[in-house]
Each structure stands twice: as structure tokens, then as C-alpha cells.
Amino acid sequence: MKYKIVVNRDACVACGVAPNLCPQVFVLGDDNGKTRVVDEYSKTTTEEKSTGEIPEDQYDCAKEAAESCPVQAITIEEIQ
């Protein structure tokens, strides 16, 4: 099972919660300081959005980070 991660970087306030809770999946970007998916799992990254795919073993970590985001800028969905 794989999961699609989307970080709405326009909504992100760069508080660092996601990278702190789940550094295997999220990092603050060098470009604008906002959260993005790490290179290992990244598909596309722009100033507005970062998307990626993670394996099932990273889901719990990513879900905790998404749920802890104060502006709900991270979504996760199962890939069929």
C-alpha cells in the first residue's frame, strides 16, 4: 500500500511541526522555508505545493504530522 502526500505550501506557516514529528517524510524547504516532502518520496515541489508518495511503513508518522499541522496544510490519501 502506498499513500499520496500533499503539502499546501501556500497555507503552510513554516512552524516546523511536521518535520519535527516525522523527519523521514517532511523537511523545511531551502527555497521558501516551508514544509515539503523529502527528496526520497517527493514527486513534485513548487512554491505552492509539494507532493509525494510514501510506503505504508511511513503512514503513521506522516498521519501524526498531518493531524498536528496547525493550519491543516497536509493531506494524505491512499493510492488505489
N, C-alpha and C. Protein backbone atom coordinates (compact mmCIF):
# COMPACT_ATOMS: atom_id res chain seq x y z
N MET A 1 0.84 -1.18 0.00
CA MET A 1 0.00 0.00 0.00
C MET A 1 0.88 1.24 0.00
N LYS A 2 0.51 2.21 -0.84
CA LYS A 2 1.21 3.49 -0.87
C LYS A 2 0.20 4.60 -0.59
N TYR A 3 0.75 5.74 -0.18
CA TYR A 3 -0.07 6.89 0.15
C TYR A 3 0.46 8.14 -0.54
N LYS A 4 -0.47 8.95 -1.02
CA LYS A 4 -0.12 10.23 -1.63
C LYS A 4 -0.15 11.30 -0.55
N ILE A 5 0.91 12.08 -0.49
CA ILE A 5 1.03 13.19 0.46
C ILE A 5 0.99 14.49 -0.35
N VAL A 6 0.20 15.45 0.12
CA VAL A 6 0.19 16.77 -0.49
C VAL A 6 0.35 17.81 0.62
N VAL A 7 1.36 18.66 0.45
CA VAL A 7 1.57 19.77 1.37
C VAL A 7 1.18 21.04 0.63
N ASN A 8 0.18 21.74 1.17
CA ASN A 8 -0.23 23.03 0.62
C ASN A 8 0.73 24.07 1.19
N ARG A 9 1.74 24.40 0.42
CA ARG A 9 2.78 25.30 0.90
C ARG A 9 2.31 26.75 0.98
N ASP A 10 1.22 27.08 0.25
CA ASP A 10 0.63 28.41 0.39
C ASP A 10 0.03 28.58 1.79
N ALA A 11 -0.57 27.51 2.30
CA ALA A 11 -1.21 27.56 3.63
C ALA A 11 -0.19 27.38 4.76
N CYS A 12 0.91 26.70 4.47
CA CYS A 12 1.93 26.39 5.48
C CYS A 12 2.46 27.66 6.14
N VAL A 13 2.60 27.60 7.47
CA VAL A 13 3.14 28.73 8.21
C VAL A 13 4.58 28.48 8.68
N ALA A 14 5.19 27.40 8.19
CA ALA A 14 6.59 27.07 8.47
C ALA A 14 6.89 26.96 9.96
N CYS A 15 5.95 26.37 10.71
CA CYS A 15 6.13 26.24 12.16
C CYS A 15 7.08 25.09 12.51
N GLY A 16 7.29 24.15 11.59
CA GLY A 16 8.23 23.06 11.82
C GLY A 16 7.65 21.84 12.51
N VAL A 17 6.34 21.82 12.77
CA VAL A 17 5.72 20.69 13.46
C VAL A 17 5.91 19.39 12.67
N ALA A 18 5.56 19.39 11.39
CA ALA A 18 5.65 18.15 10.59
C ALA A 18 7.08 17.63 10.50
N PRO A 19 8.06 18.47 10.16
CA PRO A 19 9.44 17.96 10.12
C PRO A 19 9.94 17.47 11.47
N ASN A 20 9.49 18.08 12.54
CA ASN A 20 9.91 17.63 13.88
C ASN A 20 9.29 16.29 14.25
N LEU A 21 8.02 16.09 13.90
CA LEU A 21 7.34 14.84 14.23
C LEU A 21 7.68 13.69 13.28
N CYS A 22 7.97 14.03 12.03
CA CYS A 22 8.20 12.99 11.02
C CYS A 22 9.29 13.42 10.02
N PRO A 23 10.53 13.49 10.49
CA PRO A 23 11.62 13.94 9.61
C PRO A 23 11.94 12.96 8.48
N GLN A 24 11.43 11.73 8.57
CA GLN A 24 11.63 10.77 7.49
C GLN A 24 10.84 11.17 6.23
N VAL A 25 9.77 11.97 6.42
CA VAL A 25 8.88 12.32 5.30
C VAL A 25 8.88 13.81 5.00
N PHE A 26 9.05 14.65 6.02
CA PHE A 26 8.93 16.10 5.83
C PHE A 26 10.21 16.84 6.22
N VAL A 27 10.43 17.96 5.53
CA VAL A 27 11.57 18.83 5.80
C VAL A 27 11.14 20.26 5.48
N LEU A 28 11.77 21.23 6.15
CA LEU A 28 11.53 22.63 5.76
C LEU A 28 12.38 22.89 4.52
N GLY A 29 11.77 23.43 3.49
CA GLY A 29 12.44 23.63 2.20
C GLY A 29 13.49 24.73 2.22
N ASP A 30 14.53 24.53 1.44
CA ASP A 30 15.58 25.53 1.27
C ASP A 30 15.08 26.73 0.46
N ASP A 31 14.04 26.50 -0.34
CA ASP A 31 13.56 27.55 -1.25
C ASP A 31 12.78 28.65 -0.54
N ASN A 32 11.78 28.26 0.28
CA ASN A 32 10.96 29.28 0.93
C ASN A 32 10.76 29.02 2.43
N GLY A 33 11.45 28.02 2.96
CA GLY A 33 11.37 27.74 4.39
C GLY A 33 10.12 27.00 4.84
N LYS A 34 9.27 26.63 3.88
CA LYS A 34 8.03 25.94 4.22
C LYS A 34 8.17 24.44 4.03
N THR A 35 7.32 23.69 4.70
CA THR A 35 7.39 22.23 4.68
C THR A 35 7.22 21.68 3.28
N ARG A 36 8.01 20.64 3.00
CA ARG A 36 7.88 19.89 1.75
C ARG A 36 8.17 18.43 2.04
N VAL A 37 7.86 17.57 1.07
CA VAL A 37 8.17 16.15 1.17
C VAL A 37 9.67 15.96 0.89
N VAL A 38 10.33 15.11 1.68
CA VAL A 38 11.76 14.86 1.47
C VAL A 38 12.02 14.30 0.08
N ASP A 39 13.23 14.49 -0.41
CA ASP A 39 13.58 14.06 -1.77
C ASP A 39 13.28 12.60 -2.04
N GLU A 40 13.51 11.75 -1.06
CA GLU A 40 13.31 10.31 -1.24
C GLU A 40 11.89 9.96 -1.68
N TYR A 41 10.91 10.70 -1.20
CA TYR A 41 9.50 10.41 -1.50
C TYR A 41 8.83 11.46 -2.38
N SER A 42 9.54 12.52 -2.72
CA SER A 42 8.96 13.63 -3.46
C SER A 42 8.67 13.28 -4.92
N LYS A 43 7.55 13.78 -5.41
CA LYS A 43 7.20 13.68 -6.84
C LYS A 43 7.35 15.04 -7.50
N THR A 44 6.75 16.08 -6.90
CA THR A 44 6.89 17.45 -7.40
C THR A 44 6.90 18.41 -6.23
N THR A 45 7.66 19.49 -6.38
CA THR A 45 7.68 20.54 -5.38
C THR A 45 7.73 21.89 -6.08
N THR A 46 6.76 22.74 -5.73
CA THR A 46 6.74 24.12 -6.20
C THR A 46 6.61 25.00 -4.96
N GLU A 47 6.60 26.30 -5.16
CA GLU A 47 6.41 27.19 -4.01
C GLU A 47 5.02 27.01 -3.41
N GLU A 48 4.05 26.58 -4.22
CA GLU A 48 2.67 26.44 -3.76
C GLU A 48 2.33 25.08 -3.19
N LYS A 49 3.00 24.01 -3.69
CA LYS A 49 2.60 22.66 -3.31
C LYS A 49 3.77 21.69 -3.40
N SER A 50 3.76 20.71 -2.50
CA SER A 50 4.73 19.62 -2.54
C SER A 50 3.95 18.31 -2.49
N THR A 51 4.20 17.44 -3.44
CA THR A 51 3.50 16.15 -3.46
C THR A 51 4.53 15.02 -3.44
N GLY A 52 4.09 13.89 -2.90
CA GLY A 52 4.96 12.74 -2.84
C GLY A 52 4.18 11.47 -2.59
N GLU A 53 4.89 10.36 -2.61
CA GLU A 53 4.31 9.05 -2.31
C GLU A 53 5.15 8.38 -1.24
N ILE A 54 4.46 7.87 -0.23
CA ILE A 54 5.17 7.19 0.86
C ILE A 54 4.70 5.75 0.97
N PRO A 55 5.58 4.86 1.44
CA PRO A 55 5.19 3.48 1.68
C PRO A 55 4.38 3.38 2.98
N GLU A 56 3.73 2.26 3.14
CA GLU A 56 2.86 2.04 4.30
C GLU A 56 3.59 2.20 5.63
N ASP A 57 4.87 1.82 5.67
CA ASP A 57 5.60 1.90 6.95
C ASP A 57 5.85 3.34 7.41
N GLN A 58 5.62 4.33 6.55
CA GLN A 58 5.77 5.74 6.94
C GLN A 58 4.42 6.41 7.23
N TYR A 59 3.33 5.67 7.03
CA TYR A 59 1.99 6.26 7.15
C TYR A 59 1.69 6.82 8.55
N ASP A 60 1.94 6.06 9.60
CA ASP A 60 1.59 6.51 10.95
C ASP A 60 2.32 7.80 11.32
N CYS A 61 3.57 7.86 10.98
CA CYS A 61 4.37 9.05 11.24
C CYS A 61 3.81 10.26 10.46
N ALA A 62 3.55 10.07 9.18
CA ALA A 62 3.04 11.15 8.34
C ALA A 62 1.65 11.58 8.80
N LYS A 63 0.82 10.63 9.20
CA LYS A 63 -0.54 10.94 9.66
C LYS A 63 -0.49 11.78 10.93
N GLU A 64 0.38 11.43 11.86
CA GLU A 64 0.52 12.22 13.08
C GLU A 64 0.95 13.65 12.75
N ALA A 65 1.88 13.79 11.83
CA ALA A 65 2.34 15.12 11.43
C ALA A 65 1.22 15.91 10.78
N ALA A 66 0.47 15.27 9.89
CA ALA A 66 -0.65 15.95 9.21
C ALA A 66 -1.70 16.40 10.21
N GLU A 67 -2.03 15.53 11.15
CA GLU A 67 -3.04 15.87 12.15
C GLU A 67 -2.57 16.95 13.12
N SER A 68 -1.27 17.09 13.28
CA SER A 68 -0.71 18.09 14.19
C SER A 68 -0.48 19.44 13.53
N CYS A 69 -0.58 19.50 12.21
CA CYS A 69 -0.37 20.75 11.49
C CYS A 69 -1.43 21.77 11.92
N PRO A 70 -1.01 22.92 12.44
CA PRO A 70 -1.97 23.89 12.97
C PRO A 70 -2.86 24.54 11.90
N VAL A 71 -2.44 24.49 10.65
CA VAL A 71 -3.25 25.09 9.58
C VAL A 71 -3.78 24.04 8.60
N GLN A 72 -3.66 22.77 8.97
CA GLN A 72 -4.17 21.65 8.17
C GLN A 72 -3.71 21.72 6.71
N ALA A 73 -2.41 21.96 6.54
CA ALA A 73 -1.85 22.11 5.20
C ALA A 73 -1.40 20.80 4.57
N ILE A 74 -1.54 19.68 5.30
CA ILE A 74 -1.06 18.38 4.80
C ILE A 74 -2.22 17.42 4.67
N THR A 75 -2.34 16.81 3.49
CA THR A 75 -3.36 15.78 3.28
C THR A 75 -2.69 14.48 2.87
N ILE A 76 -3.32 13.37 3.24
CA ILE A 76 -2.81 12.06 2.90
C ILE A 76 -3.97 11.24 2.37
N GLU A 77 -3.75 10.56 1.26
CA GLU A 77 -4.79 9.67 0.74
C GLU A 77 -4.16 8.38 0.22
N GLU A 78 -4.93 7.32 0.35
CA GLU A 78 -4.49 6.02 -0.11
C GLU A 78 -4.46 6.00 -1.63
N ILE A 79 -3.43 5.39 -2.20
CA ILE A 79 -3.35 5.24 -3.65
C ILE A 79 -3.89 3.87 -4.01
N GLN A 80 -4.88 3.86 -4.86
CA GLN A 80 -5.51 2.59 -5.28
C GLN A 80 -4.71 1.92 -6.37
